[in-house]
PDB file of N, CA and C in Angstrom:
ATOM      1  N   MET A   1      53.488  76.349 128.036  1.00  0.00           N
ATOM      2  CA  MET A   1      53.489  77.476 127.887  1.00  0.00           C
ATOM      3  C   MET A   1      54.948  78.245 128.374  1.00  0.00           C
ATOM      4  N   ALA A   2      55.460  78.064 129.658  1.00  0.00           N
ATOM      5  CA  ALA A   2      56.601  78.806 130.408  1.00  0.00           C
ATOM      6  C   ALA A   2      57.522  78.213 129.598  1.00  0.00           C
ATOM      7  N   GLU A   3      57.769  76.636 128.797  1.00  0.00           N
ATOM      8  CA  GLU A   3      58.815  76.544 128.427  1.00  0.00           C
ATOM      9  C   GLU A   3      59.100  77.366 127.134  1.00  0.00           C
ATOM     10  N   ILE A   4      58.062  77.725 126.323  1.00  0.00           N
ATOM     11  CA  ILE A   4      57.987  78.138 124.592  1.00  0.00           C
ATOM     12  C   ILE A   4      58.719  79.666 125.269  1.00  0.00           C
ATOM     13  N   ILE A   5      57.910  80.375 126.129  1.00  0.00           N
ATOM     14  CA  ILE A   5      58.542  81.688 126.461  1.00  0.00           C
ATOM     15  C   ILE A   5      60.024  81.622 127.198  1.00  0.00           C
ATOM     16  N   GLU A   6      60.484  80.697 127.784  1.00  0.00           N
ATOM     17  CA  GLU A   6      61.765  81.237 128.121  1.00  0.00           C
ATOM     18  C   GLU A   6      62.658  80.433 127.112  1.00  0.00           C
ATOM     19  N   TYR A   7      62.045  79.740 126.243  1.00  0.00           N
ATOM     20  CA  TYR A   7      62.860  79.591 125.054  1.00  0.00           C
ATOM     21  C   TYR A   7      62.992  80.536 123.944  1.00  0.00           C
ATOM     22  N   ILE A   8      62.125  81.955 124.080  1.00  0.00           N
ATOM     23  CA  ILE A   8      61.869  82.859 123.246  1.00  0.00           C
ATOM     24  C   ILE A   8      63.378  83.676 123.662  1.00  0.00           C
ATOM     25  N   LYS A   9      63.143  83.884 125.154  1.00  0.00           N
ATOM     26  CA  LYS A   9      63.911  84.890 126.316  1.00  0.00           C
ATOM     27  C   LYS A   9      65.152  84.487 125.821  1.00  0.00           C
ATOM     28  N   SER A  10      65.332  83.132 125.744  1.00  0.00           N
ATOM     29  CA  SER A  10      66.998  82.663 125.632  1.00  0.00           C
ATOM     30  C   SER A  10      67.567  82.864 124.485  1.00  0.00           C
ATOM     31  N   TRP A  11      66.106  82.775 123.268  1.00  0.00           N
ATOM     32  CA  TRP A  11      67.130  83.035 121.836  1.00  0.00           C
ATOM     33  C   TRP A  11      66.988  84.661 121.316  1.00  0.00           C
ATOM     34  N   SER A  12      66.303  85.236 122.402  1.00  0.00           N
ATOM     35  CA  SER A  12      66.490  86.863 122.237  1.00  0.00           C
ATOM     36  C   SER A  12      67.863  87.114 122.767  1.00  0.00           C
ATOM     37  N   ALA A  13      68.175  86.742 123.705  1.00  0.00           N
ATOM     38  CA  ALA A  13      69.160  87.198 124.921  1.00  0.00           C
ATOM     39  C   ALA A  13      70.797  86.122 123.654  1.00  0.00           C
ATOM     40  N   LEU A  14      70.397  85.295 123.193  1.00  0.00           N
ATOM     41  CA  LEU A  14      71.698  84.908 122.495  1.00  0.00           C
ATOM     42  C   LEU A  14      71.967  85.851 121.196  1.00  0.00           C
ATOM     43  N   LYS A  15      70.534  86.066 120.521  1.00  0.00           N
ATOM     44  CA  LYS A  15      70.560  87.043 119.200  1.00  0.00           C
ATOM     45  C   LYS A  15      71.618  88.250 119.383  1.00  0.00           C
ATOM     46  N   TRP A  16      71.147  88.963 120.699  1.00  0.00           N
ATOM     47  CA  TRP A  16      71.776  90.186 120.892  1.00  0.00           C
ATOM     48  C   TRP A  16      73.391  90.039 121.597  1.00  0.00           C
ATOM     49  N   VAL A  17      73.818  88.656 122.000  1.00  0.00           N
ATOM     50  CA  VAL A  17      75.173  88.430 122.381  1.00  0.00           C
ATOM     51  C   VAL A  17      75.813  88.650 121.177  1.00  0.00           C
ATOM     52  N   ILE A  18      75.205  87.728 120.051  1.00  0.00           N
ATOM     53  CA  ILE A  18      75.728  87.182 118.864  1.00  0.00           C
ATOM     54  C   ILE A  18      75.736  88.818 117.896  1.00  0.00           C
ATOM     55  N   LEU A  19      75.188  89.703 118.050  1.00  0.00           N
ATOM     56  CA  LEU A  19      75.165  90.802 117.489  1.00  0.00           C
ATOM     57  C   LEU A  19      76.141  91.735 117.951  1.00  0.00           C
ATOM     58  N   VAL A  20      76.321  91.706 119.026  1.00  0.00           N
ATOM     59  CA  VAL A  20      77.247  92.842 119.966  1.00  0.00           C
ATOM     60  C   VAL A  20      78.772  92.189 119.670  1.00  0.00           C
ATOM     61  N   LEU A  21      79.086  90.688 119.783  1.00  0.00           N
ATOM     62  CA  LEU A  21      80.280  90.200 118.899  1.00  0.00           C
ATOM     63  C   LEU A  21      80.711  90.573 117.420  1.00  0.00           C
ATOM     64  N   ILE A  22      79.575  90.453 116.812  1.00  0.00           N
ATOM     65  CA  ILE A  22      79.505  90.585 115.294  1.00  0.00           C
ATOM     66  C   ILE A  22      80.059  92.143 115.521  1.00  0.00           C
ATOM     67  N   ALA A  23      79.150  93.003 116.162  1.00  0.00           N
ATOM     68  CA  ALA A  23      79.886  94.889 115.906  1.00  0.00           C
ATOM     69  C   ALA A  23      81.259  94.834 116.495  1.00  0.00           C
ATOM     70  N   GLY A  24      81.442  94.148 117.590  1.00  0.00           N
ATOM     71  CA  GLY A  24      82.902  94.153 118.009  1.00  0.00           C
ATOM     72  C   GLY A  24      83.991  93.843 117.053  1.00  0.00           C
ATOM     73  N   PHE A  25      83.638  92.722 116.589  1.00  0.00           N
ATOM     74  CA  PHE A  25      84.528  92.509 115.242  1.00  0.00           C
ATOM     75  C   PHE A  25      84.885  93.299 114.582  1.00  0.00           C
ATOM     76  N   ILE A  26      83.638  94.009 113.967  1.00  0.00           N
ATOM     77  CA  ILE A  26      83.700  95.006 113.004  1.00  0.00           C
ATOM     78  C   ILE A  26      84.339  95.935 113.297  1.00  0.00           C
ATOM     79  N   GLY A  27      84.230  96.410 114.493  1.00  0.00           N
ATOM     80  CA  GLY A  27      84.315  97.953 114.896  1.00  0.00           C
ATOM     81  C   GLY A  27      86.415  97.610 115.258  1.00  0.00           C
ATOM     82  N   GLN A  28      86.622  96.259 115.715  1.00  0.00           N
ATOM     83  CA  GLN A  28      88.248  95.899 115.584  1.00  0.00           C
ATOM     84  C   GLN A  28      88.644  95.983 114.396  1.00  0.00           C
ATOM     85  N   PHE A  29      87.790  95.682 113.360  1.00  0.00           N
ATOM     86  CA  PHE A  29      88.655  95.354 112.232  1.00  0.00           C
ATOM     87  C   PHE A  29      88.549  96.793 111.562  1.00  0.00           C
ATOM     88  N   GLY A  30      87.811  97.695 111.933  1.00  0.00           N
ATOM     89  CA  GLY A  30      87.724  99.044 111.118  1.00  0.00           C
ATOM     90  C   GLY A  30      89.049 100.051 111.560  1.00  0.00           C
ATOM     91  N   ARG A  31      89.273  99.929 112.991  1.00  0.00           N
ATOM     92  CA  ARG A  31      89.856 100.422 113.895  1.00  0.00           C
ATOM     93  C   ARG A  31      91.373 100.230 112.938  1.00  0.00           C
ATOM     94  N   MET A  32      91.651  98.762 112.958  1.00  0.00           N
ATOM     95  CA  MET A  32      93.097  98.545 112.383  1.00  0.00           C
ATOM     96  C   MET A  32      93.645  98.769 111.013  1.00  0.00           C
ATOM     97  N   THR A  33      91.989  98.993 110.258  1.00  0.00           N
ATOM     98  CA  THR A  33      92.327  99.077 108.791  1.00  0.00           C
ATOM     99  C   THR A  33      92.456 100.808 108.570  1.00  0.00           C
ATOM    100  N   ALA A  34      91.875 101.514 109.537  1.00  0.00           N
ATOM    101  CA  ALA A  34      92.505 102.649 109.629  1.00  0.00           C
ATOM    102  C   ALA A  34      93.199 103.150 110.266  1.00  0.00           C
ATOM    103  N   GLU A  35      94.477 102.631 111.147  1.00  0.00           N
ATOM    104  CA  GLU A  35      95.152 102.782 111.522  1.00  0.00           C
ATOM    105  C   GLU A  35      96.394 102.432 110.461  1.00  0.00           C
ATOM    106  N   ALA A  36      96.238 101.261 110.026  1.00  0.00           N
ATOM    107  CA  ALA A  36      97.191 100.631 108.442  1.00  0.00           C
ATOM    108  C   ALA A  36      97.047 101.875 107.527  1.00  0.00           C
ATOM    109  N   ILE A  37      95.828 102.566 107.398  1.00  0.00           N
ATOM    110  CA  ILE A  37      95.654 103.854 106.078  1.00  0.00           C
ATOM    111  C   ILE A  37      96.472 105.071 106.636  1.00  0.00           C
ATOM    112  N   VAL A  38      96.342 105.005 107.831  1.00  0.00           N
ATOM    113  CA  VAL A  38      96.942 106.293 108.352  1.00  0.00           C
ATOM    114  C   VAL A  38      98.792 106.086 108.347  1.00  0.00           C
ATOM    115  N   LYS A  39      99.253 105.097 109.067  1.00  0.00           N
ATOM    116  CA  LYS A  39     100.541 104.570 108.543  1.00  0.00           C
ATOM    117  C   LYS A  39     101.179 104.835 107.485  1.00  0.00           C
ATOM    118  N   LYS A  40     100.273 104.066 106.649  1.00  0.00           N
ATOM    119  CA  LYS A  40     100.837 104.347 105.022  1.00  0.00           C
ATOM    120  C   LYS A  40     100.650 106.157 104.660  1.00  0.00           C
ATOM    121  N   ILE A  41      99.892 106.822 104.779  1.00  0.00           N
ATOM    122  CA  ILE A  41     100.111 108.006 104.614  1.00  0.00           C
ATOM    123  C   ILE A  41     101.207 108.830 104.767  1.00  0.00           C
ATOM    124  N   ALA A  42     101.626 108.196 106.359  1.00  0.00           N
ATOM    125  CA  ALA A  42     102.604 109.237 106.938  1.00  0.00           C
ATOM    126  C   ALA A  42     103.978 109.059 106.516  1.00  0.00           C
ATOM    127  N   ALA A  43     103.820 107.616 106.068  1.00  0.00           N
ATOM    128  CA  ALA A  43     105.203 107.124 105.532  1.00  0.00           C
ATOM    129  C   ALA A  43     105.100 107.889 103.838  1.00  0.00           C
ATOM    130  N   ARG A  44     104.233 108.033 103.416  1.00  0.00           N
ATOM    131  CA  ARG A  44     104.051 108.782 102.217  1.00  0.00           C
ATOM    132  C   ARG A  44     104.765 110.133 102.255  1.00  0.00           C
ATOM    133  N   ARG A  45     103.808 111.042 103.322  1.00  0.00           N
ATOM    134  CA  ARG A  45     104.795 111.868 103.461  1.00  0.00           C
ATOM    135  C   ARG A  45     105.820 112.215 103.776  1.00  0.00           C
ATOM    136  N   ALA A  46     106.428 111.306 104.816  1.00  0.00           N
ATOM    137  CA  ALA A  46     107.982 111.381 105.216  1.00  0.00           C
ATOM    138  C   ALA A  46     108.788 111.117 104.105  1.00  0.00           C
ATOM    139  N   LYS A  47     108.358 110.148 102.948  1.00  0.00           N
ATOM    140  CA  LYS A  47     109.183 110.288 101.759  1.00  0.00           C
ATOM    141  C   LYS A  47     109.302 111.248 100.932  1.00  0.00           C
ATOM    142  N   LYS A  48     107.999 111.909 100.991  1.00  0.00           N
ATOM    143  CA  LYS A  48     107.822 112.891 100.017  1.00  0.00           C
ATOM    144  C   LYS A  48     108.541 114.105 100.569  1.00  0.00           C
ATOM    145  N   GLU A  49     108.796 114.480 101.786  1.00  0.00           N
ATOM    146  CA  GLU A  49     109.499 115.459 102.908  1.00  0.00           C
ATOM    147  C   GLU A  49     111.208 114.879 102.396  1.00  0.00           C
ATOM    148  N   LYS A  50     111.273 114.038 102.357  1.00  0.00           N
ATOM    149  CA  LYS A  50     112.943 113.333 102.487  1.00  0.00           C
ATOM    150  C   LYS A  50     113.305 113.967 100.780  1.00  0.00           C
ATOM    151  N   THR A  51     112.513 113.796  99.741  1.00  0.00           N
ATOM    152  CA  THR A  51     112.748 113.886  98.665  1.00  0.00           C
ATOM    153  C   THR A  51     112.858 115.658  98.293  1.00  0.00           C
ATOM    154  N   SER A  52     112.095 116.170  98.677  1.00  0.00           N
ATOM    155  CA  SER A  52     111.612 117.563  98.413  1.00  0.00           C
ATOM    156  C   SER A  52     112.560 118.225  99.243  1.00  0.00           C
ATOM    157  N   VAL A  53     113.128 118.007 100.450  1.00  0.00           N
ATOM    158  CA  VAL A  53     113.711 118.914 101.265  1.00  0.00           C
ATOM    159  C   VAL A  53     114.952 119.370 100.705  1.00  0.00           C
ATOM    160  N   PRO A  54     115.825 118.332 100.277  1.00  0.00           N
ATOM    161  CA  PRO A  54     117.420 118.772  99.834  1.00  0.00           C
ATOM    162  C   PRO A  54     116.989 119.624  98.280  1.00  0.00           C
ATOM    163  N   ASP A  55     116.335 118.841  97.729  1.00  0.00           N
ATOM    164  CA  ASP A  55     116.033 119.573  96.474  1.00  0.00           C
ATOM    165  C   ASP A  55     115.620 121.074  96.297  1.00  0.00           C
ATOM    166  N   ALA A  56     114.704 121.519  97.279  1.00  0.00           N
ATOM    167  CA  ALA A  56     113.986 122.987  97.106  1.00  0.00           C
ATOM    168  C   ALA A  56     115.394 123.931  97.357  1.00  0.00           C
ATOM    169  N   PRO A  57     116.092 123.892  98.474  1.00  0.00           N
ATOM    170  CA  PRO A  57     117.246 124.736  98.481  1.00  0.00           C
ATOM    171  C   PRO A  57     117.673 125.079  97.106  1.00  0.00           C
ATOM    172  N   GLN A  58     118.192 123.924  96.535  1.00  0.00           N
ATOM    173  CA  GLN A  58     119.350 123.966  95.340  1.00  0.00           C
ATOM    174  C   GLN A  58     118.581 124.713  94.367  1.00  0.00           C
ATOM    175  N   ALA A  59     117.388 124.344  94.182  1.00  0.00           N
ATOM    176  CA  ALA A  59     116.545 124.726  93.084  1.00  0.00           C
ATOM    177  C   ALA A  59     116.387 126.599  93.195  1.00  0.00           C
ATOM    178  N   ALA A  60     116.323 126.674  94.669  1.00  0.00           N
ATOM    179  CA  ALA A  60     116.231 128.582  94.977  1.00  0.00           C
ATOM    180  C   ALA A  60     117.471 128.618  94.970  1.00  0.00           C
ATOM    181  N   ALA A  61     118.630 127.942  95.207  1.00  0.00           N
ATOM    182  CA  ALA A  61     119.426 128.746  94.840  1.00  0.00           C
ATOM    183  C   ALA A  61     120.198 129.325  93.396  1.00  0.00           C
ATOM    184  N   THR A  62     119.961 128.042  92.556  1.00  0.00           N
ATOM    185  CA  THR A  62     120.250 128.436  91.430  1.00  0.00           C
ATOM    186  C   THR A  62     119.291 129.614  90.442  1.00  0.00           C
ATOM    187  N   LEU A  63     118.290 130.138  91.142  1.00  0.00           N
ATOM    188  CA  LEU A  63     117.383 131.122  91.201  1.00  0.00           C
ATOM    189  C   LEU A  63     117.768 132.317  91.393  1.00  0.00           C
ATOM    190  N   ALA A  64     118.724 132.386  92.590  1.00  0.00           N
ATOM    191  CA  ALA A  64     118.854 133.775  93.125  1.00  0.00           C
ATOM    192  C   ALA A  64     120.522 133.808  92.459  1.00  0.00           C
ATOM    193  N   ASP A  65     120.695 135.234  92.720  1.00  0.00           N
ATOM    194  CA  ASP A  65     121.564 135.881  91.918  1.00  0.00           C
ATOM    195  C   ASP A  65     122.833 135.584  92.919  1.00  0.00           C
ATOM    196  N   THR A  66     124.097 135.877  91.929  1.00  0.00           N
ATOM    197  CA  THR A  66     125.287 135.292  92.722  1.00  0.00           C
ATOM    198  C   THR A  66     125.682 136.125  93.849  1.00  0.00           C
ATOM    199  N   SER A  67     125.363 137.636  93.444  1.00  0.00           N
ATOM    200  CA  SER A  67     125.697 138.720  94.464  1.00  0.00           C
ATOM    201  C   SER A  67     125.038 138.775  95.565  1.00  0.00           C
ATOM    202  N   ASN A  68     123.441 137.859  95.514  1.00  0.00           N
ATOM    203  CA  ASN A  68     123.107 137.615  96.979  1.00  0.00           C
ATOM    204  C   ASN A  68     123.324 136.829  97.568  1.00  0.00           C
ATOM    205  N   GLN A  69     124.335 136.719  98.010  1.00  0.00           N
ATOM    206  CA  GLN A  69     124.569 135.498  98.933  1.00  0.00           C
ATOM    207  C   GLN A  69     123.473 135.338 100.231  1.00  0.00           C
ATOM    208  N   THR A  70     122.946 136.117 100.878  1.00  0.00           N
ATOM    209  CA  THR A  70     122.279 135.764 102.177  1.00  0.00           C
ATOM    210  C   THR A  70     121.277 135.231 101.903  1.00  0.00           C
ATOM    211  N   ILE A  71     120.534 135.144 100.586  1.00  0.00           N
ATOM    212  CA  ILE A  71     119.466 134.245 100.241  1.00  0.00           C
ATOM    213  C   ILE A  71     119.927 132.966 100.318  1.00  0.00           C
ATOM    214  N   THR A  72     120.945 132.579 100.014  1.00  0.00           N
ATOM    215  CA  THR A  72     121.742 131.029  99.742  1.00  0.00           C
ATOM    216  C   THR A  72     122.175 130.933 101.431  1.00  0.00           C
ATOM    217  N   ASP A  73     122.495 131.699 101.721  1.00  0.00           N
ATOM    218  CA  ASP A  73     122.852 131.186 103.510  1.00  0.00           C
ATOM    219  C   ASP A  73     121.878 130.874 104.004  1.00  0.00           C
ATOM    220  N   LYS A  74     120.809 131.774 103.917  1.00  0.00           N
ATOM    221  CA  LYS A  74     119.811 131.655 104.471  1.00  0.00           C
ATOM    222  C   LYS A  74     119.032 129.918 104.211  1.00  0.00           C
ATOM    223  N   LEU A  75     118.824 129.706 102.913  1.00  0.00           N
ATOM    224  CA  LEU A  75     118.030 128.532 102.496  1.00  0.00           C
ATOM    225  C   LEU A  75     119.004 127.384 102.851  1.00  0.00           C
ATOM    226  N   GLU A  76     120.362 127.655 103.058  1.00  0.00           N
ATOM    227  CA  GLU A  76     121.347 126.228 103.463  1.00  0.00           C
ATOM    228  C   GLU A  76     120.824 126.232 104.942  1.00  0.00           C
ATOM    229  N   LYS A  77     121.210 127.080 105.724  1.00  0.00           N
ATOM    230  CA  LYS A  77     120.398 127.112 106.876  1.00  0.00           C
ATOM    231  C   LYS A  77     119.273 126.531 107.543  1.00  0.00           C
ATOM    232  N   LYS A  78     118.384 126.820 106.616  1.00  0.00           N
ATOM    233  CA  LYS A  78     116.917 126.095 106.587  1.00  0.00           C
ATOM    234  C   LYS A  78     117.111 124.557 106.409  1.00  0.00           C
ATOM    235  N   ARG A  79     117.890 123.943 105.180  1.00  0.00           N
ATOM    236  CA  ARG A  79     117.849 122.930 104.619  1.00  0.00           C
ATOM    237  C   ARG A  79     118.108 122.113 105.708  1.00  0.00           C
ATOM    238  N   LEU A  80     119.633 122.409 106.341  1.00  0.00           N
ATOM    239  CA  LEU A  80     120.255 121.992 107.461  1.00  0.00           C
ATOM    240  C   LEU A  80     119.265 121.398 108.537  1.00  0.00           C
ATOM    241  N   LYS A  81     119.063 122.755 109.437  1.00  0.00           N
ATOM    242  CA  LYS A  81     117.824 122.764 110.443  1.00  0.00           C
ATOM    243  C   LYS A  81     116.713 121.440 110.025  1.00  0.00           C
ATOM    244  N   THR A  82     116.309 121.227 108.822  1.00  0.00           N
ATOM    245  CA  THR A  82     115.079 120.405 108.318  1.00  0.00           C
ATOM    246  C   THR A  82     116.129 118.931 108.255  1.00  0.00           C
ATOM    247  N   LEU A  83     117.212 118.929 108.220  1.00  0.00           N
ATOM    248  CA  LEU A  83     117.904 117.728 107.940  1.00  0.00           C
ATOM    249  C   LEU A  83     117.640 117.223 109.410  1.00  0.00           C
ATOM    250  N   ALA A  84     118.573 118.341 110.492  1.00  0.00           N
ATOM    251  CA  ALA A  84     118.905 117.762 111.480  1.00  0.00           C
ATOM    252  C   ALA A  84     117.479 117.347 112.586  1.00  0.00           C
ATOM    253  N   LYS A  85     116.191 118.192 112.073  1.00  0.00           N
ATOM    254  CA  LYS A  85     114.640 117.666 112.885  1.00  0.00           C
ATOM    255  C   LYS A  85     114.656 116.686 112.277  1.00  0.00           C
ATOM    256  N   ALA A  86     114.569 116.218 111.314  1.00  0.00           N
ATOM    257  CA  ALA A  86     114.295 114.511 110.470  1.00  0.00           C
ATOM    258  C   ALA A  86     115.112 113.350 110.979  1.00  0.00           C
ATOM    259  N   ALA A  87     116.559 113.822 111.484  1.00  0.00           N
ATOM    260  CA  ALA A  87     117.535 112.888 112.162  1.00  0.00           C
ATOM    261  C   ALA A  87     117.212 112.650 113.557  1.00  0.00           C
ATOM    262  N   LYS A  88     116.708 113.632 113.772  1.00  0.00           N
ATOM    263  CA  LYS A  88     116.192 113.537 115.529  1.00  0.00           C
ATOM    264  C   LYS A  88     115.091 112.600 115.455  1.00  0.00           C
ATOM    265  N   LYS A  89     113.875 113.065 114.524  1.00  0.00           N
ATOM    266  CA  LYS A  89     112.570 112.425 114.656  1.00  0.00           C
ATOM    267  C   LYS A  89     112.774 110.677 114.593  1.00  0.00           C
ATOM    268  N   ALA A  90     113.695 110.558 113.544  1.00  0.00           N
ATOM    269  CA  ALA A  90     114.159 109.098 113.177  1.00  0.00           C
ATOM    270  C   ALA A  90     114.886 108.152 114.011  1.00  0.00           C
ATOM    271  N   GLY A  91     115.261 109.148 114.938  1.00  0.00           N
ATOM    272  CA  GLY A  91     116.747 109.021 116.339  1.00  0.00           C
ATOM    273  C   GLY A  91     115.153 108.573 117.739  1.00  0.00           C
ATOM    274  N   LYS A  92     114.326 109.465 117.336  1.00  0.00           N
ATOM    275  CA  LYS A  92     113.012 109.159 118.749  1.00  0.00           C
ATOM    276  C   LYS A  92     112.293 107.724 118.352  1.00  0.00           C
ATOM    277  N   LYS A  93     111.964 107.594 117.265  1.00  0.00           N
ATOM    278  CA  LYS A  93     111.155 106.221 116.625  1.00  0.00           C
ATOM    279  C   LYS A  93     111.703 105.257 117.098  1.00  0.00           C
ATOM    280  N   LYS A  94     112.872 104.935 116.867  1.00  0.00           N
ATOM    281  CA  LYS A  94     113.629 103.568 116.766  1.00  0.00           C
ATOM    282  C   LYS A  94     114.048 103.438 118.713  1.00  0.00           C
TER     283      LYS A  94
END
């Protein structure tokens, strides 16, 4: 009878160990998947910002009056500042 009880206890412990290992595997897989998704979204946003930043001041400049140069100057300054930030950010990543 003692052998049966020991067999049941060891089997129960083995089930728990297997369960914990499976949960750890699923957790690690989920974490890696989430990181991959976040990187993909960040890459899309960076690509979208790269393409939209230079175009926005040009479109705004065409809408502005030629007599009102201060708006164009401000937009150009803002565009240059944004490009400088992007270059600095790219330099830090490398």
